[in-house]
């Protein structure tokens, strides 16, 4: 019998959204981390994105008290940045350049990429990225995919919110430019 989890993960692999490494390619998203429609008792407006770091959840609001909930990874201690943002850019297979702060904190890991990395399956931003702005200013915070799916449900990033590649691809298709995104 074909389970829902097996079907969703197989579909993701078939569409080219499988993770990069052989170990990640074998990764099956746990049932508890699959997107699902949830009733939530919050006063979030329909058509908004809300990230609740304490729950490792991103909510795409469908209607009053009704959300499509995604499991996420968030910024590690001291790097998660709450705020009220707008999604003013969206990119498929985005390029990536570590910020100067990232290079300063961990030069052994990031210095080699100071001139950037082309988009693709090995890129840390994964399959899709939603770019968070405050007014006209790009904050360099992103809601993006990951080629490290085991990090979902943990605080390990440099501040961005990450989803499994197939999940960010789904969210990317739902969220229009100009959408409000609140990182609580």
N, C-alpha and C. Protein backbone atom coordinates (compact mmCIF):
# COMPACT_ATOMS: atom_id res chain seq x y z
N UNK A 1 0.84 -1.18 0.00
CA UNK A 1 0.00 0.00 0.00
C UNK A 1 0.88 1.24 0.00
N UNK A 2 0.55 2.20 -0.83
CA UNK A 2 1.30 3.43 -0.96
C UNK A 2 0.82 4.43 0.09
N UNK A 3 1.72 4.83 0.99
CA UNK A 3 1.35 5.79 2.03
C UNK A 3 1.39 7.21 1.48
N UNK A 4 0.71 8.11 2.15
CA UNK A 4 0.70 9.53 1.76
C UNK A 4 2.12 10.09 1.79
N UNK A 5 2.86 9.74 2.83
CA UNK A 5 4.23 10.23 2.96
C UNK A 5 5.09 9.75 1.80
N UNK A 6 5.00 8.46 1.48
CA UNK A 6 5.78 7.92 0.37
C UNK A 6 5.38 8.60 -0.94
N UNK A 7 4.09 8.80 -1.15
CA UNK A 7 3.61 9.45 -2.37
C UNK A 7 4.17 10.87 -2.49
N UNK A 8 4.10 11.67 -1.41
CA UNK A 8 4.57 13.05 -1.47
C UNK A 8 6.07 13.13 -1.69
N UNK A 9 6.82 12.27 -1.02
CA UNK A 9 8.26 12.29 -1.20
C UNK A 9 8.67 11.79 -2.58
N UNK A 10 7.97 10.81 -3.09
CA UNK A 10 8.24 10.31 -4.44
C UNK A 10 7.91 11.39 -5.47
N UNK A 11 6.80 12.09 -5.28
CA UNK A 11 6.42 13.17 -6.19
C UNK A 11 7.48 14.27 -6.18
N UNK A 12 7.99 14.60 -5.01
CA UNK A 12 9.03 15.63 -4.92
C UNK A 12 10.27 15.20 -5.69
N UNK A 13 10.67 13.97 -5.53
CA UNK A 13 11.85 13.47 -6.24
C UNK A 13 11.62 13.47 -7.75
N UNK A 14 10.44 13.08 -8.17
CA UNK A 14 10.14 13.01 -9.61
C UNK A 14 10.13 14.38 -10.26
N UNK A 15 9.85 15.43 -9.51
CA UNK A 15 9.81 16.78 -10.08
C UNK A 15 11.15 17.48 -9.97
N UNK A 16 12.18 16.77 -9.54
CA UNK A 16 13.50 17.36 -9.46
C UNK A 16 13.74 18.14 -8.20
N UNK A 17 12.93 17.94 -7.19
CA UNK A 17 13.08 18.70 -5.95
C UNK A 17 13.68 17.86 -4.83
N UNK A 18 14.23 16.72 -5.18
CA UNK A 18 14.87 15.88 -4.17
C UNK A 18 16.10 16.59 -3.64
N UNK A 19 16.54 16.21 -2.47
CA UNK A 19 17.70 16.82 -1.85
C UNK A 19 18.97 16.40 -2.59
N UNK A 20 20.06 17.13 -2.35
CA UNK A 20 21.28 16.97 -3.13
C UNK A 20 22.10 15.74 -2.79
N UNK A 21 22.38 15.52 -1.53
CA UNK A 21 23.28 14.44 -1.17
C UNK A 21 22.57 13.10 -1.24
N UNK A 22 23.33 12.01 -1.41
CA UNK A 22 22.69 10.68 -1.44
C UNK A 22 21.89 10.41 -0.16
N UNK A 23 22.41 10.82 0.99
CA UNK A 23 21.67 10.61 2.24
C UNK A 23 20.38 11.41 2.26
N UNK A 24 20.45 12.66 1.80
CA UNK A 24 19.25 13.49 1.78
C UNK A 24 18.25 13.00 0.74
N UNK A 25 18.75 12.45 -0.36
CA UNK A 25 17.85 11.93 -1.39
C UNK A 25 17.02 10.77 -0.85
N UNK A 26 17.55 10.06 0.13
CA UNK A 26 16.84 8.94 0.75
C UNK A 26 15.91 9.40 1.87
N UNK A 27 15.97 10.67 2.21
CA UNK A 27 15.22 11.21 3.35
C UNK A 27 13.73 11.26 3.05
N UNK A 28 12.94 10.70 3.95
CA UNK A 28 11.49 10.80 3.87
C UNK A 28 11.04 11.78 4.95
N UNK A 29 10.32 12.80 4.54
CA UNK A 29 9.82 13.79 5.49
C UNK A 29 8.89 13.08 6.47
N UNK A 30 9.14 13.22 7.77
CA UNK A 30 8.25 12.58 8.74
C UNK A 30 6.81 13.07 8.59
N UNK A 31 5.87 12.19 8.84
CA UNK A 31 4.45 12.52 8.74
C UNK A 31 4.12 13.79 9.52
N UNK A 32 4.74 13.96 10.69
CA UNK A 32 4.46 15.12 11.53
C UNK A 32 4.94 16.43 10.91
N UNK A 33 5.81 16.36 9.89
CA UNK A 33 6.35 17.56 9.26
C UNK A 33 5.74 17.85 7.89
N UNK A 34 4.78 17.08 7.48
CA UNK A 34 4.12 17.35 6.20
C UNK A 34 3.19 18.54 6.33
N UNK A 35 3.06 19.35 5.28
CA UNK A 35 2.11 20.47 5.34
C UNK A 35 0.70 19.96 5.59
N UNK A 36 -0.05 20.72 6.35
CA UNK A 36 -1.44 20.34 6.63
C UNK A 36 -2.26 21.58 6.92
N UNK A 37 -3.54 21.50 6.60
CA UNK A 37 -4.46 22.58 6.93
C UNK A 37 -4.80 22.44 8.41
N UNK A 38 -4.68 23.56 9.14
CA UNK A 38 -4.93 23.56 10.58
C UNK A 38 -5.84 24.72 10.96
N UNK A 39 -6.66 24.48 11.96
CA UNK A 39 -7.39 25.56 12.63
C UNK A 39 -6.43 26.14 13.66
N UNK A 40 -6.25 27.45 13.64
CA UNK A 40 -5.39 28.08 14.65
C UNK A 40 -6.15 29.23 15.29
N UNK A 41 -5.92 29.40 16.57
CA UNK A 41 -6.61 30.43 17.33
C UNK A 41 -5.72 31.67 17.43
N UNK A 42 -5.49 32.32 16.28
CA UNK A 42 -4.68 33.53 16.22
C UNK A 42 -5.42 34.55 15.37
N UNK A 43 -5.10 35.79 15.59
CA UNK A 43 -5.73 36.87 14.84
C UNK A 43 -4.84 37.27 13.66
N UNK A 44 -4.49 36.29 12.80
CA UNK A 44 -3.68 36.55 11.62
C UNK A 44 -4.62 36.71 10.43
N UNK A 45 -4.33 37.68 9.58
CA UNK A 45 -5.18 37.97 8.42
C UNK A 45 -4.96 36.96 7.30
N UNK A 46 -6.02 36.63 6.57
CA UNK A 46 -5.87 35.77 5.39
C UNK A 46 -4.88 36.39 4.40
N UNK A 47 -4.11 35.52 3.74
CA UNK A 47 -3.15 35.99 2.75
C UNK A 47 -1.84 36.47 3.33
N UNK A 48 -1.59 36.18 4.59
CA UNK A 48 -0.32 36.54 5.23
C UNK A 48 0.46 35.29 5.57
N UNK A 49 1.78 35.46 5.73
CA UNK A 49 2.69 34.42 6.20
C UNK A 49 3.08 34.78 7.63
N UNK A 50 3.01 33.80 8.53
CA UNK A 50 3.44 34.00 9.92
C UNK A 50 4.34 32.84 10.31
N UNK A 51 5.49 33.18 10.91
CA UNK A 51 6.42 32.17 11.39
C UNK A 51 6.44 32.24 12.90
N UNK A 52 6.16 31.10 13.53
CA UNK A 52 6.22 30.98 14.98
C UNK A 52 7.42 30.11 15.32
N UNK A 53 8.53 30.75 15.72
CA UNK A 53 9.77 30.00 15.93
C UNK A 53 9.69 28.97 17.05
N UNK A 54 8.91 29.26 18.08
CA UNK A 54 8.82 28.32 19.20
C UNK A 54 8.15 27.01 18.77
N UNK A 55 7.33 27.06 17.71
CA UNK A 55 6.64 25.86 17.21
C UNK A 55 7.31 25.30 15.95
N UNK A 56 8.33 25.98 15.44
CA UNK A 56 8.96 25.61 14.17
C UNK A 56 7.90 25.46 13.08
N UNK A 57 7.00 26.46 13.01
CA UNK A 57 5.89 26.43 12.05
C UNK A 57 5.83 27.73 11.26
N UNK A 58 5.49 27.59 10.00
CA UNK A 58 5.15 28.70 9.13
C UNK A 58 3.70 28.51 8.74
N UNK A 59 2.91 29.56 8.90
CA UNK A 59 1.49 29.50 8.56
C UNK A 59 1.20 30.40 7.36
N UNK A 60 0.64 29.83 6.31
CA UNK A 60 0.10 30.58 5.18
C UNK A 60 -1.39 30.66 5.45
N UNK A 61 -1.86 31.86 5.76
CA UNK A 61 -3.24 32.03 6.21
C UNK A 61 -4.22 31.93 5.04
N UNK A 62 -5.13 30.98 5.15
CA UNK A 62 -6.13 30.72 4.12
C UNK A 62 -7.42 31.49 4.38
N UNK A 63 -7.74 31.69 5.63
CA UNK A 63 -8.96 32.37 6.04
C UNK A 63 -8.87 32.64 7.52
N UNK A 64 -9.88 33.27 8.11
CA UNK A 64 -9.84 33.54 9.55
C UNK A 64 -9.68 32.23 10.34
N UNK A 65 -8.57 32.13 11.07
CA UNK A 65 -8.32 30.95 11.90
C UNK A 65 -7.99 29.68 11.14
N UNK A 66 -7.76 29.77 9.84
CA UNK A 66 -7.47 28.59 9.02
C UNK A 66 -6.16 28.82 8.26
N UNK A 67 -5.22 27.89 8.42
CA UNK A 67 -3.90 28.07 7.82
C UNK A 67 -3.39 26.77 7.23
N UNK A 68 -2.54 26.92 6.22
CA UNK A 68 -1.73 25.81 5.73
C UNK A 68 -0.43 25.91 6.51
N UNK A 69 -0.15 24.89 7.33
CA UNK A 69 1.00 24.92 8.22
C UNK A 69 2.14 24.09 7.64
N UNK A 70 3.33 24.67 7.63
CA UNK A 70 4.54 24.01 7.16
C UNK A 70 5.52 23.93 8.33
N UNK A 71 6.26 22.84 8.44
CA UNK A 71 7.34 22.74 9.41
C UNK A 71 8.57 23.44 8.85
N UNK A 72 9.29 24.14 9.71
CA UNK A 72 10.44 24.93 9.28
C UNK A 72 11.63 24.74 10.22
N UNK A 73 12.78 25.12 9.72
CA UNK A 73 13.97 25.33 10.53
C UNK A 73 14.14 26.83 10.64
N UNK A 74 14.74 27.28 11.71
CA UNK A 74 14.89 28.72 11.96
C UNK A 74 16.33 29.07 12.32
N UNK A 75 16.57 30.36 12.53
CA UNK A 75 17.88 30.84 12.93
C UNK A 75 18.26 30.35 14.31
N UNK A 76 19.53 30.04 14.46
CA UNK A 76 20.02 29.57 15.76
C UNK A 76 20.03 30.73 16.76
N UNK A 77 20.26 30.41 18.01
CA UNK A 77 20.21 31.40 19.10
C UNK A 77 21.02 32.63 18.75
N UNK A 78 20.39 33.78 18.91
CA UNK A 78 21.03 35.06 18.64
C UNK A 78 20.98 35.50 17.18
N UNK A 79 20.51 34.63 16.28
CA UNK A 79 20.48 34.98 14.87
C UNK A 79 19.07 35.06 14.29
N UNK A 80 18.08 34.53 15.01
CA UNK A 80 16.70 34.65 14.54
C UNK A 80 16.27 36.09 14.71
N UNK A 81 15.73 36.67 13.66
CA UNK A 81 15.33 38.08 13.69
C UNK A 81 13.83 38.20 13.46
N UNK A 82 13.12 38.57 14.51
CA UNK A 82 11.68 38.77 14.36
C UNK A 82 11.43 40.12 13.70
N UNK A 83 10.25 40.26 13.11
CA UNK A 83 9.90 41.54 12.50
C UNK A 83 8.74 41.40 11.53
N UNK A 84 8.35 42.52 10.99
CA UNK A 84 7.25 42.62 10.03
C UNK A 84 7.86 42.95 8.68
N UNK A 85 7.67 42.08 7.71
CA UNK A 85 8.33 42.18 6.42
C UNK A 85 7.32 42.09 5.27
N UNK A 86 7.81 42.37 4.07
CA UNK A 86 7.06 42.15 2.83
C UNK A 86 7.92 41.26 1.94
N UNK A 87 7.26 40.36 1.24
CA UNK A 87 7.96 39.53 0.26
C UNK A 87 7.97 40.32 -1.04
N UNK A 88 9.11 40.95 -1.33
CA UNK A 88 9.21 41.82 -2.50
C UNK A 88 10.03 41.23 -3.62
N UNK A 89 10.49 40.00 -3.46
CA UNK A 89 11.17 39.29 -4.54
C UNK A 89 11.00 37.79 -4.30
N UNK A 90 10.93 37.05 -5.39
CA UNK A 90 10.82 35.59 -5.36
C UNK A 90 11.75 35.06 -6.44
N UNK A 91 12.50 34.00 -6.11
CA UNK A 91 13.41 33.45 -7.11
C UNK A 91 13.40 31.93 -7.09
N UNK A 92 13.44 31.36 -8.29
CA UNK A 92 13.57 29.92 -8.45
C UNK A 92 15.06 29.60 -8.57
N UNK A 93 15.51 28.58 -7.88
CA UNK A 93 16.92 28.18 -7.84
C UNK A 93 17.81 29.42 -7.70
N UNK A 94 17.64 30.16 -6.58
CA UNK A 94 18.36 31.42 -6.40
C UNK A 94 19.86 31.23 -6.20
N UNK A 95 20.61 32.24 -6.60
CA UNK A 95 22.03 32.28 -6.26
C UNK A 95 22.13 32.69 -4.79
N UNK A 96 23.31 32.54 -4.22
CA UNK A 96 23.49 32.83 -2.80
C UNK A 96 24.88 33.39 -2.56
N UNK A 97 24.94 34.40 -1.71
CA UNK A 97 26.21 34.95 -1.24
C UNK A 97 26.10 35.11 0.27
N UNK A 98 27.04 34.55 1.03
CA UNK A 98 26.97 34.73 2.49
C UNK A 98 27.16 36.20 2.84
N UNK A 99 26.50 36.62 3.90
CA UNK A 99 26.64 38.01 4.34
C UNK A 99 28.02 38.22 4.96
N UNK A 100 28.49 39.46 5.03
CA UNK A 100 29.77 39.72 5.72
C UNK A 100 29.78 39.19 7.16
N UNK A 101 28.64 39.30 7.85
CA UNK A 101 28.57 38.78 9.23
C UNK A 101 28.78 37.26 9.27
N UNK A 102 28.22 36.55 8.29
CA UNK A 102 28.40 35.11 8.24
C UNK A 102 29.87 34.76 8.01
N UNK A 103 30.51 35.49 7.10
CA UNK A 103 31.94 35.24 6.82
C UNK A 103 32.78 35.55 8.04
N UNK A 104 32.45 36.62 8.75
CA UNK A 104 33.19 36.99 9.96
C UNK A 104 33.03 35.94 11.07
N UNK A 105 31.79 35.44 11.25
CA UNK A 105 31.52 34.44 12.29
C UNK A 105 32.19 33.11 12.00
N UNK A 106 32.13 32.68 10.74
CA UNK A 106 32.64 31.36 10.38
C UNK A 106 33.39 31.41 9.05
N UNK A 107 34.57 32.05 9.05
CA UNK A 107 35.30 32.19 7.78
C UNK A 107 35.68 30.85 7.15
N UNK A 108 35.94 29.85 7.97
CA UNK A 108 36.33 28.54 7.44
C UNK A 108 35.20 27.90 6.63
N UNK A 109 33.98 28.27 6.91
CA UNK A 109 32.82 27.71 6.20
C UNK A 109 32.36 28.60 5.05
N UNK A 110 32.45 29.92 5.20
CA UNK A 110 31.80 30.82 4.25
C UNK A 110 32.73 31.66 3.36
N UNK A 111 33.99 31.86 3.75
CA UNK A 111 34.91 32.70 2.99
C UNK A 111 35.01 32.25 1.53
N UNK A 112 35.01 30.95 1.29
CA UNK A 112 35.15 30.43 -0.07
C UNK A 112 33.99 30.85 -0.99
N UNK A 113 32.86 31.28 -0.40
CA UNK A 113 31.68 31.67 -1.18
C UNK A 113 31.44 33.17 -1.19
N UNK A 114 32.44 33.96 -0.78
CA UNK A 114 32.24 35.40 -0.68
C UNK A 114 31.87 36.06 -2.01
N UNK A 115 32.20 35.43 -3.12
CA UNK A 115 31.81 35.96 -4.43
C UNK A 115 30.51 35.35 -4.92
N UNK A 116 29.89 34.52 -4.11
CA UNK A 116 28.59 33.96 -4.44
C UNK A 116 28.65 32.54 -4.96
N UNK A 117 27.47 31.94 -5.03
CA UNK A 117 27.29 30.58 -5.52
C UNK A 117 26.07 30.58 -6.43
N UNK A 118 26.23 30.00 -7.59
CA UNK A 118 25.10 29.89 -8.52
C UNK A 118 23.99 29.06 -7.90
N UNK A 119 22.77 29.30 -8.35
CA UNK A 119 21.64 28.49 -7.90
C UNK A 119 21.80 27.06 -8.37
N UNK A 120 21.16 26.16 -7.67
CA UNK A 120 21.23 24.74 -8.02
C UNK A 120 21.01 23.88 -6.80
N UNK A 121 21.02 22.60 -7.01
CA UNK A 121 20.69 21.65 -5.95
C UNK A 121 21.66 21.70 -4.77
N UNK A 122 22.89 22.13 -4.97
CA UNK A 122 23.86 22.21 -3.87
C UNK A 122 23.85 23.55 -3.16
N UNK A 123 23.08 24.50 -3.66
CA UNK A 123 23.01 25.83 -3.08
C UNK A 123 22.21 25.78 -1.77
N UNK A 124 22.70 26.45 -0.72
CA UNK A 124 21.99 26.43 0.58
C UNK A 124 20.58 27.00 0.55
N UNK A 125 20.24 27.83 -0.44
CA UNK A 125 18.88 28.38 -0.51
C UNK A 125 17.89 27.40 -1.14
N UNK A 126 18.38 26.31 -1.67
CA UNK A 126 17.49 25.29 -2.20
C UNK A 126 16.76 25.72 -3.46
N UNK A 127 15.56 25.15 -3.63
CA UNK A 127 14.80 25.26 -4.87
C UNK A 127 14.14 26.62 -5.09
N UNK A 128 13.75 27.29 -4.03
CA UNK A 128 13.03 28.56 -4.15
C UNK A 128 13.38 29.44 -2.95
N UNK A 129 13.22 30.76 -3.14
CA UNK A 129 13.43 31.69 -2.03
C UNK A 129 12.46 32.85 -2.13
N UNK A 130 11.95 33.25 -0.98
CA UNK A 130 11.11 34.43 -0.82
C UNK A 130 11.97 35.44 -0.07
N UNK A 131 12.15 36.64 -0.63
CA UNK A 131 13.05 37.64 -0.10
C UNK A 131 12.29 38.63 0.77
N UNK A 132 12.75 38.80 2.00
CA UNK A 132 12.05 39.64 2.98
C UNK A 132 12.63 41.05 3.00
N UNK A 133 11.73 42.01 2.81
CA UNK A 133 12.09 43.43 2.78
C UNK A 133 11.37 44.18 3.90
N UNK A 134 11.98 45.28 4.34
CA UNK A 134 11.31 46.26 5.19
C UNK A 134 11.38 47.57 4.44
N UNK A 135 10.22 48.03 3.97
CA UNK A 135 10.19 49.18 3.06
C UNK A 135 10.96 48.79 1.80
N UNK A 136 11.82 49.69 1.31
CA UNK A 136 12.58 49.36 0.10
C UNK A 136 13.86 48.55 0.38
N UNK A 137 14.15 48.30 1.65
CA UNK A 137 15.43 47.68 2.05
C UNK A 137 15.33 46.16 2.11
N UNK A 138 16.22 45.49 1.36
CA UNK A 138 16.36 44.04 1.44
C UNK A 138 17.05 43.73 2.77
N UNK A 139 16.40 42.92 3.60
CA UNK A 139 16.96 42.60 4.91
C UNK A 139 17.99 41.47 4.85
N UNK A 140 18.12 40.80 3.71
CA UNK A 140 18.96 39.62 3.51
C UNK A 140 18.42 38.41 4.26
N UNK A 141 17.21 38.53 4.81
CA UNK A 141 16.52 37.38 5.39
C UNK A 141 15.69 36.74 4.29
N UNK A 142 15.60 35.42 4.33
CA UNK A 142 14.87 34.69 3.31
C UNK A 142 14.02 33.60 3.95
N UNK A 143 12.96 33.25 3.27
CA UNK A 143 12.24 32.01 3.52
C UNK A 143 12.61 31.16 2.31
N UNK A 144 13.30 30.05 2.53
CA UNK A 144 13.89 29.34 1.41
C UNK A 144 13.89 27.83 1.62
N UNK A 145 14.27 27.14 0.58
CA UNK A 145 14.41 25.69 0.65
C UNK A 145 15.71 25.31 1.33
N UNK A 146 15.95 24.02 1.43
CA UNK A 146 17.20 23.54 2.01
C UNK A 146 17.59 22.22 1.38
N UNK A 147 18.90 22.04 1.26
CA UNK A 147 19.42 20.75 0.82
C UNK A 147 19.83 19.90 2.03
N UNK A 148 19.40 20.33 3.21
CA UNK A 148 19.65 19.60 4.45
C UNK A 148 18.30 19.40 5.17
N UNK A 149 17.45 18.51 4.65
CA UNK A 149 16.09 18.39 5.18
C UNK A 149 16.02 17.95 6.64
N UNK A 150 17.06 17.33 7.16
CA UNK A 150 17.03 16.91 8.57
C UNK A 150 17.10 18.08 9.54
N UNK A 151 17.39 19.29 9.02
CA UNK A 151 17.45 20.47 9.90
C UNK A 151 16.08 21.09 10.15
N UNK A 152 15.05 20.60 9.48
CA UNK A 152 13.70 21.12 9.72
C UNK A 152 13.30 20.74 11.15
N UNK A 153 12.71 21.70 11.86
CA UNK A 153 12.33 21.46 13.24
C UNK A 153 13.44 21.80 14.22
N UNK A 154 14.48 22.51 13.74
CA UNK A 154 15.57 22.88 14.63
C UNK A 154 16.02 24.32 14.34
N UNK A 155 16.81 24.85 15.25
CA UNK A 155 17.33 26.21 15.13
C UNK A 155 18.81 26.13 14.77
N UNK A 156 19.11 26.14 13.48
CA UNK A 156 20.49 25.96 13.03
C UNK A 156 20.95 26.96 11.97
N UNK A 157 20.04 27.73 11.40
CA UNK A 157 20.42 28.59 10.27
C UNK A 157 21.06 29.89 10.77
N UNK A 158 21.49 30.70 9.81
CA UNK A 158 22.07 32.00 10.11
C UNK A 158 21.02 33.10 10.20
N UNK A 159 19.78 32.72 10.38
CA UNK A 159 18.71 33.70 10.56
C UNK A 159 17.52 33.47 9.66
N UNK A 160 17.72 32.78 8.55
CA UNK A 160 16.63 32.55 7.60
C UNK A 160 15.71 31.44 8.09
N UNK A 161 14.54 31.39 7.45
CA UNK A 161 13.56 30.34 7.71
C UNK A 161 13.67 29.36 6.55
N UNK A 162 13.80 28.07 6.85
CA UNK A 162 13.99 27.08 5.80
C UNK A 162 12.92 26.01 5.82
N UNK A 163 12.58 25.55 4.63
CA UNK A 163 11.60 24.48 4.44
C UNK A 163 12.23 23.42 3.54
N UNK A 164 11.68 22.22 3.58
CA UNK A 164 12.06 21.19 2.63
C UNK A 164 11.79 21.74 1.22
N UNK A 165 12.62 21.40 0.25
CA UNK A 165 12.50 21.95 -1.11
C UNK A 165 11.11 21.80 -1.71
N UNK A 166 10.48 20.64 -1.56
CA UNK A 166 9.15 20.47 -2.13
C UNK A 166 8.13 21.37 -1.43
N UNK A 167 8.32 21.65 -0.15
CA UNK A 167 7.39 22.50 0.59
C UNK A 167 7.57 23.97 0.22
N UNK A 168 8.83 24.44 0.07
CA UNK A 168 9.02 25.84 -0.33
C UNK A 168 8.51 26.03 -1.75
N UNK A 169 8.62 25.02 -2.59
CA UNK A 169 8.11 25.14 -3.96
C UNK A 169 6.59 25.30 -3.96
N UNK A 170 5.92 24.58 -3.08
CA UNK A 170 4.48 24.72 -2.94
C UNK A 170 4.11 26.11 -2.42
N UNK A 171 4.78 26.55 -1.36
CA UNK A 171 4.51 27.86 -0.78
C UNK A 171 4.80 28.97 -1.80
N UNK A 172 5.90 28.85 -2.51
CA UNK A 172 6.30 29.82 -3.53
C UNK A 172 5.18 30.04 -4.55
N UNK A 173 4.53 28.96 -4.94
CA UNK A 173 3.45 29.05 -5.93
C UNK A 173 2.18 29.69 -5.35
N UNK A 174 2.02 29.69 -4.07
CA UNK A 174 0.83 30.23 -3.41
C UNK A 174 0.96 31.72 -3.07
N UNK A 175 2.15 32.16 -2.72
CA UNK A 175 2.37 33.48 -2.13
C UNK A 175 2.71 34.52 -3.20
N UNK A 176 1.88 35.55 -3.36
CA UNK A 176 2.19 36.60 -4.34
C UNK A 176 3.19 37.62 -3.79
N UNK A 177 3.84 38.31 -4.71
CA UNK A 177 4.70 39.42 -4.32
C UNK A 177 3.89 40.43 -3.52
N UNK A 178 4.54 41.07 -2.56
CA UNK A 178 3.88 42.07 -1.73
C UNK A 178 3.22 41.49 -0.49
N UNK A 179 3.26 40.16 -0.34
CA UNK A 179 2.65 39.52 0.82
C UNK A 179 3.35 39.93 2.11
N UNK A 180 2.57 40.18 3.13
CA UNK A 180 3.10 40.46 4.47
C UNK A 180 3.59 39.15 5.06
N UNK A 181 4.80 39.21 5.65
CA UNK A 181 5.38 38.05 6.34
C UNK A 181 5.84 38.52 7.72
N UNK A 182 5.31 37.91 8.75
CA UNK A 182 5.67 38.28 10.12
C UNK A 182 6.44 37.14 10.76
N UNK A 183 7.65 37.45 11.19
CA UNK A 183 8.46 36.50 11.95
C UNK A 183 8.30 36.88 13.41
N UNK A 184 7.59 36.06 14.16
CA UNK A 184 7.27 36.36 15.56
C UNK A 184 8.46 36.08 16.47
